[in-house]
Amino acid sequence: MTHIDDRVIELARTALSFEYGEEHFYRHAAEMTQNPSGKAMFLRLANEEPRQMEDMRTLFSAVIGKDVWERLAVEEAD
């Protein structure tokens, strides 16, 4: 891989780590808050995460290839 490819792969890893952590964070925040509006907002954000993950898959698959993206997604999910 070229230097640029390595940077793009590192960017994909970082994006994945944020995405995997965000849904968990939002669900935890929803459990912790007593405010009904806050709870609803955190749950809405958590529910949006799968769509955002799909958008990232589409974008990064086009740039680094579907196989590489899927490998990275599996690695980051562990």
N, C-alpha and C. Protein backbone atom coordinates (compact mmCIF):
# COMPACT_ATOMS: atom_id res chain seq x y z
N MET A 1 0.83 -1.18 0.00
CA MET A 1 0.00 0.00 0.00
C MET A 1 0.87 1.24 0.00
N THR A 2 0.36 2.27 -0.55
CA THR A 2 1.08 3.53 -0.55
C THR A 2 0.85 4.24 0.78
N HIS A 3 1.60 5.29 0.98
CA HIS A 3 1.45 6.09 2.20
C HIS A 3 0.05 6.66 2.31
N ILE A 4 -0.50 7.12 1.21
CA ILE A 4 -1.86 7.67 1.22
C ILE A 4 -2.86 6.59 1.59
N ASP A 5 -2.69 5.40 1.05
CA ASP A 5 -3.60 4.31 1.40
C ASP A 5 -3.56 4.02 2.90
N ASP A 6 -2.40 4.03 3.49
CA ASP A 6 -2.28 3.80 4.92
C ASP A 6 -3.02 4.88 5.72
N ARG A 7 -2.94 6.10 5.26
CA ARG A 7 -3.63 7.19 5.96
C ARG A 7 -5.15 7.03 5.83
N VAL A 8 -5.62 6.62 4.67
CA VAL A 8 -7.06 6.43 4.48
C VAL A 8 -7.55 5.27 5.33
N ILE A 9 -6.75 4.22 5.42
CA ILE A 9 -7.14 3.08 6.25
C ILE A 9 -7.18 3.49 7.72
N GLU A 10 -6.22 4.28 8.15
CA GLU A 10 -6.23 4.77 9.53
C GLU A 10 -7.46 5.65 9.78
N LEU A 11 -7.82 6.45 8.81
CA LEU A 11 -9.03 7.27 8.92
C LEU A 11 -10.27 6.38 9.04
N ALA A 12 -10.33 5.32 8.24
CA ALA A 12 -11.46 4.39 8.30
C ALA A 12 -11.52 3.73 9.68
N ARG A 13 -10.37 3.32 10.20
CA ARG A 13 -10.34 2.71 11.55
C ARG A 13 -10.86 3.69 12.61
N THR A 14 -10.42 4.92 12.51
CA THR A 14 -10.85 5.93 13.48
C THR A 14 -12.35 6.17 13.37
N ALA A 15 -12.85 6.29 12.16
CA ALA A 15 -14.29 6.49 11.96
C ALA A 15 -15.08 5.31 12.53
N LEU A 16 -14.61 4.11 12.30
CA LEU A 16 -15.28 2.92 12.84
C LEU A 16 -15.28 2.93 14.36
N SER A 17 -14.16 3.27 14.95
CA SER A 17 -14.10 3.25 16.41
C SER A 17 -15.07 4.27 17.01
N PHE A 18 -15.21 5.42 16.36
CA PHE A 18 -16.18 6.39 16.84
C PHE A 18 -17.60 5.86 16.68
N GLU A 19 -17.89 5.29 15.53
CA GLU A 19 -19.25 4.81 15.27
C GLU A 19 -19.66 3.69 16.21
N TYR A 20 -18.75 2.75 16.46
CA TYR A 20 -19.10 1.65 17.36
C TYR A 20 -19.30 2.16 18.78
N GLY A 21 -18.58 3.17 19.17
CA GLY A 21 -18.71 3.70 20.52
C GLY A 21 -19.89 4.62 20.70
N GLU A 22 -20.30 5.30 19.65
CA GLU A 22 -21.37 6.29 19.78
C GLU A 22 -22.71 5.68 20.15
N GLU A 23 -23.09 4.61 19.48
CA GLU A 23 -24.41 4.02 19.79
C GLU A 23 -24.46 3.59 21.24
N HIS A 24 -23.40 2.94 21.70
CA HIS A 24 -23.34 2.52 23.10
C HIS A 24 -23.44 3.74 24.02
N PHE A 25 -22.68 4.79 23.72
CA PHE A 25 -22.70 6.00 24.54
C PHE A 25 -24.11 6.59 24.61
N TYR A 26 -24.76 6.73 23.45
CA TYR A 26 -26.09 7.34 23.43
C TYR A 26 -27.10 6.51 24.21
N ARG A 27 -27.04 5.20 24.09
CA ARG A 27 -27.98 4.35 24.83
C ARG A 27 -27.72 4.44 26.34
N HIS A 28 -26.46 4.48 26.70
CA HIS A 28 -26.11 4.62 28.12
C HIS A 28 -26.60 5.97 28.65
N ALA A 29 -26.38 7.04 27.88
CA ALA A 29 -26.83 8.37 28.30
C ALA A 29 -28.35 8.40 28.45
N ALA A 30 -29.06 7.72 27.56
CA ALA A 30 -30.53 7.67 27.65
C ALA A 30 -30.96 6.98 28.94
N GLU A 31 -30.24 5.94 29.32
CA GLU A 31 -30.56 5.24 30.57
C GLU A 31 -30.28 6.11 31.79
N MET A 32 -29.26 6.93 31.71
CA MET A 32 -28.83 7.72 32.85
C MET A 32 -29.65 8.98 33.08
N THR A 33 -30.19 9.55 32.02
CA THR A 33 -30.90 10.83 32.17
C THR A 33 -32.31 10.62 32.68
N GLN A 34 -32.75 11.56 33.48
CA GLN A 34 -34.12 11.53 33.99
C GLN A 34 -35.05 12.42 33.17
N ASN A 35 -34.46 13.27 32.35
CA ASN A 35 -35.23 14.21 31.55
C ASN A 35 -35.83 13.49 30.35
N PRO A 36 -37.15 13.49 30.20
CA PRO A 36 -37.78 12.78 29.08
C PRO A 36 -37.31 13.26 27.71
N SER A 37 -37.14 14.57 27.56
CA SER A 37 -36.67 15.10 26.27
C SER A 37 -35.24 14.67 25.99
N GLY A 38 -34.41 14.70 27.02
CA GLY A 38 -33.02 14.25 26.87
C GLY A 38 -32.96 12.78 26.53
N LYS A 39 -33.78 11.98 27.22
CA LYS A 39 -33.83 10.54 26.95
C LYS A 39 -34.23 10.28 25.50
N ALA A 40 -35.25 10.98 25.04
CA ALA A 40 -35.73 10.80 23.66
C ALA A 40 -34.65 11.21 22.66
N MET A 41 -33.94 12.30 22.95
CA MET A 41 -32.89 12.75 22.05
C MET A 41 -31.77 11.71 21.95
N PHE A 42 -31.32 11.19 23.09
CA PHE A 42 -30.24 10.20 23.08
C PHE A 42 -30.67 8.92 22.36
N LEU A 43 -31.91 8.50 22.55
CA LEU A 43 -32.39 7.31 21.85
C LEU A 43 -32.49 7.55 20.35
N ARG A 44 -32.92 8.74 19.95
CA ARG A 44 -32.98 9.07 18.53
C ARG A 44 -31.58 9.03 17.92
N LEU A 45 -30.60 9.60 18.61
CA LEU A 45 -29.22 9.58 18.12
C LEU A 45 -28.70 8.15 18.01
N ALA A 46 -29.00 7.32 18.99
CA ALA A 46 -28.56 5.91 18.95
C ALA A 46 -29.19 5.19 17.77
N ASN A 47 -30.45 5.48 17.50
CA ASN A 47 -31.15 4.81 16.41
C ASN A 47 -30.66 5.27 15.04
N GLU A 48 -30.04 6.44 14.96
CA GLU A 48 -29.49 6.93 13.70
C GLU A 48 -28.15 6.28 13.35
N GLU A 49 -27.50 5.69 14.31
CA GLU A 49 -26.16 5.14 14.09
C GLU A 49 -26.09 4.08 12.99
N PRO A 50 -27.02 3.14 12.89
CA PRO A 50 -26.92 2.16 11.80
C PRO A 50 -26.92 2.81 10.41
N ARG A 51 -27.70 3.86 10.23
CA ARG A 51 -27.73 4.56 8.94
C ARG A 51 -26.38 5.24 8.68
N GLN A 52 -25.80 5.83 9.72
CA GLN A 52 -24.51 6.46 9.56
C GLN A 52 -23.43 5.42 9.24
N MET A 53 -23.52 4.25 9.84
CA MET A 53 -22.57 3.18 9.56
C MET A 53 -22.70 2.74 8.10
N GLU A 54 -23.91 2.67 7.61
CA GLU A 54 -24.13 2.28 6.21
C GLU A 54 -23.55 3.34 5.27
N ASP A 55 -23.72 4.60 5.61
CA ASP A 55 -23.12 5.68 4.80
C ASP A 55 -21.61 5.56 4.77
N MET A 56 -21.02 5.27 5.92
CA MET A 56 -19.56 5.11 5.97
C MET A 56 -19.12 3.90 5.16
N ARG A 57 -19.88 2.81 5.24
CA ARG A 57 -19.53 1.62 4.47
C ARG A 57 -19.53 1.95 2.98
N THR A 58 -20.53 2.65 2.53
CA THR A 58 -20.61 3.02 1.11
C THR A 58 -19.42 3.88 0.71
N LEU A 59 -19.12 4.88 1.50
CA LEU A 59 -18.03 5.79 1.19
C LEU A 59 -16.68 5.08 1.19
N PHE A 60 -16.36 4.42 2.28
CA PHE A 60 -15.03 3.81 2.40
C PHE A 60 -14.88 2.60 1.47
N SER A 61 -15.95 1.87 1.21
CA SER A 61 -15.86 0.75 0.26
C SER A 61 -15.46 1.25 -1.12
N ALA A 62 -15.96 2.41 -1.49
CA ALA A 62 -15.61 2.98 -2.79
C ALA A 62 -14.15 3.42 -2.83
N VAL A 63 -13.62 3.84 -1.69
CA VAL A 63 -12.26 4.37 -1.65
C VAL A 63 -11.22 3.27 -1.44
N ILE A 64 -11.46 2.39 -0.47
CA ILE A 64 -10.45 1.38 -0.13
C ILE A 64 -10.84 -0.03 -0.55
N GLY A 65 -12.04 -0.20 -1.03
CA GLY A 65 -12.51 -1.51 -1.46
C GLY A 65 -13.37 -2.18 -0.41
N LYS A 66 -14.37 -2.89 -0.88
CA LYS A 66 -15.34 -3.53 0.02
C LYS A 66 -14.68 -4.55 0.94
N ASP A 67 -13.77 -5.36 0.41
CA ASP A 67 -13.12 -6.39 1.22
C ASP A 67 -12.30 -5.78 2.35
N VAL A 68 -11.56 -4.73 2.04
CA VAL A 68 -10.74 -4.08 3.07
C VAL A 68 -11.65 -3.44 4.12
N TRP A 69 -12.70 -2.77 3.68
CA TRP A 69 -13.63 -2.16 4.63
C TRP A 69 -14.24 -3.22 5.56
N GLU A 70 -14.69 -4.31 5.00
CA GLU A 70 -15.31 -5.35 5.82
C GLU A 70 -14.32 -5.93 6.82
N ARG A 71 -13.07 -6.11 6.40
CA ARG A 71 -12.04 -6.61 7.32
C ARG A 71 -11.83 -5.63 8.47
N LEU A 72 -11.73 -4.34 8.14
CA LEU A 72 -11.56 -3.32 9.17
C LEU A 72 -12.75 -3.27 10.11
N ALA A 73 -13.95 -3.39 9.57
CA ALA A 73 -15.16 -3.35 10.41
C ALA A 73 -15.17 -4.51 11.39
N VAL A 74 -14.76 -5.68 10.95
CA VAL A 74 -14.70 -6.84 11.85
C VAL A 74 -13.65 -6.62 12.93
N GLU A 75 -12.48 -6.12 12.53
CA GLU A 75 -11.40 -5.87 13.49
C GLU A 75 -11.83 -4.85 14.55
N GLU A 76 -12.46 -3.78 14.13
CA GLU A 76 -12.84 -2.72 15.05
C GLU A 76 -14.03 -3.12 15.93
N ALA A 77 -14.86 -4.05 15.47
CA ALA A 77 -16.01 -4.47 16.25
C ALA A 77 -15.59 -5.32 17.45
N ASP A 78 -14.44 -5.95 17.35
CA ASP A 78 -13.97 -6.81 18.47
C ASP A 78 -13.54 -6.04 19.66
